[in-house]
């Protein structure tokens, strides 16, 4: 399983909800096992720069690639890109927890 995690900063605070709402539309793409978009609570003691977090789970690389190839993904990117400042993405393999370790 692949965990797809994306962090966004938004140029203007008034646009955070617009970006969150736009990114939420990606949840309609059927290739993910789990998909959520949340606004950062900004309670960290050291850094609170991130405004929005996207977290999704995909069965494999093919599912993630299909998600990114979907027309809604491209449309969402076009709508959100002008409002965001930074985007950091990580795709990590989920490692089964070791029992009794």
N, C-alpha and C. Protein backbone atom coordinates (compact mmCIF):
# COMPACT_ATOMS: atom_id res chain seq x y z
N UNK A 1 0.85 -1.17 0.00
CA UNK A 1 0.00 0.00 0.00
C UNK A 1 0.90 1.23 0.00
N UNK A 2 0.46 2.27 -0.69
CA UNK A 2 1.19 3.53 -0.77
C UNK A 2 0.40 4.61 -0.04
N UNK A 3 1.09 5.32 0.82
CA UNK A 3 0.51 6.48 1.49
C UNK A 3 0.98 7.73 0.75
N UNK A 4 0.04 8.48 0.24
CA UNK A 4 0.31 9.70 -0.52
C UNK A 4 -0.05 10.87 0.38
N UNK A 5 0.96 11.67 0.76
CA UNK A 5 0.76 12.76 1.70
C UNK A 5 1.25 14.05 1.04
N UNK A 6 0.40 15.05 0.99
CA UNK A 6 0.75 16.31 0.34
C UNK A 6 0.45 17.46 1.29
N UNK A 7 1.42 18.34 1.44
CA UNK A 7 1.28 19.52 2.29
C UNK A 7 1.23 20.76 1.41
N UNK A 8 0.31 21.66 1.72
CA UNK A 8 0.15 22.89 0.96
C UNK A 8 0.25 24.11 1.88
N UNK A 9 0.86 25.17 1.36
CA UNK A 9 0.70 26.48 1.96
C UNK A 9 -0.14 27.29 0.97
N UNK A 10 -0.94 28.17 1.51
CA UNK A 10 -1.85 28.98 0.69
C UNK A 10 -1.38 30.43 0.77
N UNK A 11 -1.37 31.11 -0.37
CA UNK A 11 -0.86 32.48 -0.44
C UNK A 11 -1.61 33.43 0.48
N UNK A 12 -2.93 33.38 0.46
CA UNK A 12 -3.76 34.29 1.27
C UNK A 12 -4.65 33.46 2.20
N UNK A 13 -4.65 33.82 3.47
CA UNK A 13 -5.44 33.08 4.46
C UNK A 13 -6.91 32.97 4.07
N UNK A 14 -7.43 33.97 3.40
CA UNK A 14 -8.84 33.93 3.01
C UNK A 14 -9.14 32.84 1.98
N UNK A 15 -8.09 32.28 1.35
CA UNK A 15 -8.29 31.25 0.33
C UNK A 15 -8.12 29.82 0.85
N UNK A 16 -7.82 29.65 2.12
CA UNK A 16 -7.60 28.31 2.66
C UNK A 16 -8.82 27.42 2.43
N UNK A 17 -10.00 27.90 2.73
CA UNK A 17 -11.20 27.08 2.57
C UNK A 17 -11.48 26.79 1.10
N UNK A 18 -11.20 27.74 0.22
CA UNK A 18 -11.38 27.52 -1.21
C UNK A 18 -10.46 26.40 -1.71
N UNK A 19 -9.21 26.43 -1.26
CA UNK A 19 -8.26 25.38 -1.65
C UNK A 19 -8.68 24.05 -1.06
N UNK A 20 -9.06 24.03 0.22
CA UNK A 20 -9.48 22.78 0.85
C UNK A 20 -10.67 22.19 0.11
N UNK A 21 -11.63 23.02 -0.18
CA UNK A 21 -12.83 22.55 -0.89
C UNK A 21 -12.47 22.02 -2.28
N UNK A 22 -11.61 22.72 -2.98
CA UNK A 22 -11.19 22.27 -4.31
C UNK A 22 -10.48 20.93 -4.26
N UNK A 23 -9.59 20.77 -3.30
CA UNK A 23 -8.86 19.51 -3.18
C UNK A 23 -9.77 18.36 -2.77
N UNK A 24 -10.80 18.66 -2.01
CA UNK A 24 -11.74 17.62 -1.57
C UNK A 24 -12.40 16.94 -2.77
N UNK A 25 -12.55 17.65 -3.87
CA UNK A 25 -13.15 17.06 -5.07
C UNK A 25 -12.37 15.85 -5.56
N UNK A 26 -11.07 15.80 -5.26
CA UNK A 26 -10.25 14.66 -5.68
C UNK A 26 -10.73 13.34 -5.06
N UNK A 27 -11.43 13.43 -3.96
CA UNK A 27 -11.96 12.23 -3.31
C UNK A 27 -12.99 11.50 -4.16
N UNK A 28 -13.49 12.15 -5.20
CA UNK A 28 -14.45 11.49 -6.11
C UNK A 28 -13.76 10.56 -7.10
N UNK A 29 -12.44 10.67 -7.20
CA UNK A 29 -11.70 9.76 -8.09
C UNK A 29 -11.62 8.40 -7.40
N UNK A 30 -12.03 7.37 -8.09
CA UNK A 30 -12.24 6.05 -7.48
C UNK A 30 -10.98 5.23 -7.21
N UNK A 31 -9.80 5.68 -7.53
CA UNK A 31 -8.62 4.84 -7.43
C UNK A 31 -8.02 4.75 -6.03
N UNK A 32 -8.42 5.60 -5.10
CA UNK A 32 -7.84 5.57 -3.76
C UNK A 32 -8.65 4.66 -2.84
N UNK A 33 -7.94 4.06 -1.88
CA UNK A 33 -8.60 3.26 -0.84
C UNK A 33 -9.16 4.17 0.24
N UNK A 34 -8.47 5.27 0.47
CA UNK A 34 -8.85 6.24 1.50
C UNK A 34 -8.39 7.61 1.00
N UNK A 35 -9.19 8.63 1.27
CA UNK A 35 -8.82 9.97 0.83
C UNK A 35 -9.39 10.99 1.80
N UNK A 36 -8.56 11.93 2.24
CA UNK A 36 -9.05 13.00 3.11
C UNK A 36 -8.24 14.27 2.91
N UNK A 37 -8.89 15.39 3.14
CA UNK A 37 -8.26 16.70 3.07
C UNK A 37 -8.59 17.41 4.37
N UNK A 38 -7.55 17.89 5.06
CA UNK A 38 -7.78 18.56 6.34
C UNK A 38 -7.00 19.86 6.41
N UNK A 39 -7.52 20.78 7.21
CA UNK A 39 -6.83 22.02 7.49
C UNK A 39 -5.93 21.78 8.70
N UNK A 40 -4.70 22.22 8.62
CA UNK A 40 -3.74 22.06 9.71
C UNK A 40 -4.22 22.83 10.94
N UNK A 41 -4.15 22.19 12.08
CA UNK A 41 -4.58 22.82 13.33
C UNK A 41 -3.58 23.87 13.82
N UNK A 42 -2.36 23.80 13.32
CA UNK A 42 -1.30 24.77 13.66
C UNK A 42 -1.08 24.88 15.16
N UNK A 43 -0.82 23.75 15.79
CA UNK A 43 -0.55 23.71 17.22
C UNK A 43 0.87 23.24 17.54
N UNK A 44 1.71 23.06 16.51
CA UNK A 44 3.08 22.64 16.73
C UNK A 44 3.87 23.77 17.40
N UNK A 45 4.80 23.40 18.27
CA UNK A 45 5.60 24.40 18.98
C UNK A 45 6.61 25.11 18.10
N UNK A 46 7.00 24.50 16.97
CA UNK A 46 8.12 25.02 16.20
C UNK A 46 7.77 25.53 14.80
N UNK A 47 6.82 24.94 14.14
CA UNK A 47 6.51 25.36 12.78
C UNK A 47 5.04 25.10 12.48
N UNK A 48 4.39 26.12 11.98
CA UNK A 48 2.97 26.02 11.62
C UNK A 48 2.71 26.61 10.24
N UNK A 49 3.65 26.38 9.34
CA UNK A 49 3.57 26.96 8.00
C UNK A 49 2.55 26.27 7.11
N UNK A 50 2.34 24.99 7.31
CA UNK A 50 1.45 24.21 6.43
C UNK A 50 -0.01 24.57 6.73
N UNK A 51 -0.76 24.83 5.66
CA UNK A 51 -2.18 25.17 5.81
C UNK A 51 -3.10 23.97 5.62
N UNK A 52 -2.80 23.12 4.63
CA UNK A 52 -3.70 22.02 4.27
C UNK A 52 -2.89 20.76 4.06
N UNK A 53 -3.46 19.63 4.47
CA UNK A 53 -2.83 18.32 4.29
C UNK A 53 -3.79 17.41 3.54
N UNK A 54 -3.28 16.77 2.49
CA UNK A 54 -4.02 15.73 1.77
C UNK A 54 -3.38 14.41 2.14
N UNK A 55 -4.22 13.44 2.55
CA UNK A 55 -3.73 12.10 2.87
C UNK A 55 -4.58 11.10 2.09
N UNK A 56 -3.90 10.25 1.34
CA UNK A 56 -4.62 9.23 0.57
C UNK A 56 -3.84 7.93 0.61
N UNK A 57 -4.55 6.85 0.47
CA UNK A 57 -3.93 5.52 0.42
C UNK A 57 -4.31 4.86 -0.90
N UNK A 58 -3.30 4.22 -1.51
CA UNK A 58 -3.50 3.53 -2.78
C UNK A 58 -2.96 2.12 -2.68
N UNK A 59 -3.62 1.21 -3.36
CA UNK A 59 -3.23 -0.19 -3.32
C UNK A 59 -1.80 -0.38 -3.86
N UNK A 60 -1.47 0.35 -4.93
CA UNK A 60 -0.16 0.17 -5.57
C UNK A 60 0.15 1.36 -6.46
N UNK A 61 1.32 1.32 -7.11
CA UNK A 61 1.71 2.42 -7.99
C UNK A 61 0.73 2.62 -9.14
N UNK A 62 0.18 1.54 -9.65
CA UNK A 62 -0.77 1.66 -10.76
C UNK A 62 -2.00 2.46 -10.35
N UNK A 63 -2.49 2.24 -9.14
CA UNK A 63 -3.66 2.99 -8.66
C UNK A 63 -3.31 4.46 -8.47
N UNK A 64 -2.13 4.75 -7.92
CA UNK A 64 -1.71 6.14 -7.75
C UNK A 64 -1.53 6.82 -9.10
N UNK A 65 -0.92 6.12 -10.05
CA UNK A 65 -0.74 6.68 -11.39
C UNK A 65 -2.09 6.95 -12.07
N UNK A 66 -3.04 6.04 -11.90
CA UNK A 66 -4.37 6.23 -12.48
C UNK A 66 -5.07 7.43 -11.85
N UNK A 67 -4.89 7.61 -10.56
CA UNK A 67 -5.45 8.76 -9.84
C UNK A 67 -4.90 10.06 -10.44
N UNK A 68 -3.60 10.12 -10.62
CA UNK A 68 -2.96 11.33 -11.14
C UNK A 68 -3.27 11.56 -12.62
N UNK A 69 -3.65 10.53 -13.34
CA UNK A 69 -3.97 10.65 -14.76
C UNK A 69 -5.44 11.02 -15.00
N UNK A 70 -6.25 11.00 -13.97
CA UNK A 70 -7.67 11.28 -14.10
C UNK A 70 -7.89 12.75 -14.48
N UNK A 71 -8.84 13.05 -15.36
CA UNK A 71 -9.10 14.44 -15.76
C UNK A 71 -9.45 15.37 -14.59
N UNK A 72 -10.10 14.85 -13.57
CA UNK A 72 -10.45 15.68 -12.41
C UNK A 72 -9.19 16.12 -11.66
N UNK A 73 -8.17 15.30 -11.66
CA UNK A 73 -6.90 15.66 -11.02
C UNK A 73 -6.29 16.88 -11.71
N UNK A 74 -6.27 16.86 -13.03
CA UNK A 74 -5.73 17.98 -13.81
C UNK A 74 -6.57 19.25 -13.61
N UNK A 75 -7.87 19.11 -13.61
CA UNK A 75 -8.76 20.26 -13.42
C UNK A 75 -8.58 20.86 -12.03
N UNK A 76 -8.44 20.02 -11.04
CA UNK A 76 -8.24 20.50 -9.67
C UNK A 76 -6.91 21.22 -9.54
N UNK A 77 -5.88 20.66 -10.16
CA UNK A 77 -4.56 21.29 -10.13
C UNK A 77 -4.62 22.68 -10.74
N UNK A 78 -5.29 22.81 -11.88
CA UNK A 78 -5.42 24.12 -12.53
C UNK A 78 -6.14 25.13 -11.64
N UNK A 79 -7.15 24.68 -10.91
CA UNK A 79 -7.94 25.58 -10.06
C UNK A 79 -7.20 25.98 -8.80
N UNK A 80 -6.44 25.05 -8.22
CA UNK A 80 -5.80 25.29 -6.93
C UNK A 80 -4.43 25.96 -7.06
N UNK A 81 -3.69 25.63 -8.09
CA UNK A 81 -2.31 26.11 -8.22
C UNK A 81 -2.16 27.63 -8.05
N UNK A 82 -3.03 28.45 -8.64
CA UNK A 82 -2.84 29.91 -8.47
C UNK A 82 -3.02 30.40 -7.03
N UNK A 83 -3.70 29.64 -6.20
CA UNK A 83 -3.98 30.04 -4.82
C UNK A 83 -2.95 29.54 -3.83
N UNK A 84 -2.21 28.52 -4.20
CA UNK A 84 -1.25 27.95 -3.26
C UNK A 84 0.13 28.54 -3.47
N UNK A 85 0.92 28.45 -2.43
CA UNK A 85 2.30 28.92 -2.54
C UNK A 85 3.24 27.74 -2.70
N UNK A 86 3.28 26.86 -1.70
CA UNK A 86 4.16 25.70 -1.74
C UNK A 86 3.37 24.41 -1.72
N UNK A 87 3.98 23.38 -2.29
CA UNK A 87 3.39 22.04 -2.28
C UNK A 87 4.51 21.05 -2.04
N UNK A 88 4.39 20.27 -0.98
CA UNK A 88 5.36 19.22 -0.68
C UNK A 88 4.61 17.89 -0.71
N UNK A 89 5.17 16.92 -1.41
CA UNK A 89 4.50 15.63 -1.57
C UNK A 89 5.43 14.50 -1.20
N UNK A 90 4.86 13.46 -0.59
CA UNK A 90 5.63 12.25 -0.27
C UNK A 90 4.74 11.05 -0.55
N UNK A 91 5.32 10.05 -1.21
CA UNK A 91 4.65 8.78 -1.46
C UNK A 91 5.49 7.71 -0.77
N UNK A 92 4.95 7.14 0.29
CA UNK A 92 5.71 6.18 1.08
C UNK A 92 5.00 4.84 1.11
N UNK A 93 5.80 3.78 1.15
CA UNK A 93 5.23 2.44 1.26
C UNK A 93 4.82 2.22 2.71
N UNK A 94 3.63 1.72 2.92
CA UNK A 94 3.16 1.38 4.26
C UNK A 94 3.84 0.08 4.66
N UNK A 95 4.45 0.10 5.81
CA UNK A 95 5.15 -1.08 6.30
C UNK A 95 4.26 -1.71 7.37
N UNK A 96 3.96 -3.02 7.21
CA UNK A 96 3.13 -3.67 8.24
C UNK A 96 3.79 -3.56 9.60
N UNK A 97 2.99 -3.26 10.60
CA UNK A 97 3.53 -3.16 11.94
C UNK A 97 4.05 -4.51 12.41
N UNK A 98 5.15 -4.48 13.12
CA UNK A 98 5.72 -5.70 13.67
C UNK A 98 5.10 -5.95 15.03
N UNK A 99 4.48 -7.09 15.18
CA UNK A 99 3.82 -7.45 16.43
C UNK A 99 4.86 -7.97 17.40
N UNK A 100 4.84 -7.46 18.62
CA UNK A 100 5.73 -7.95 19.66
C UNK A 100 7.17 -7.46 19.54
N UNK A 101 7.42 -6.48 18.73
CA UNK A 101 8.81 -6.00 18.58
C UNK A 101 9.18 -5.03 19.67
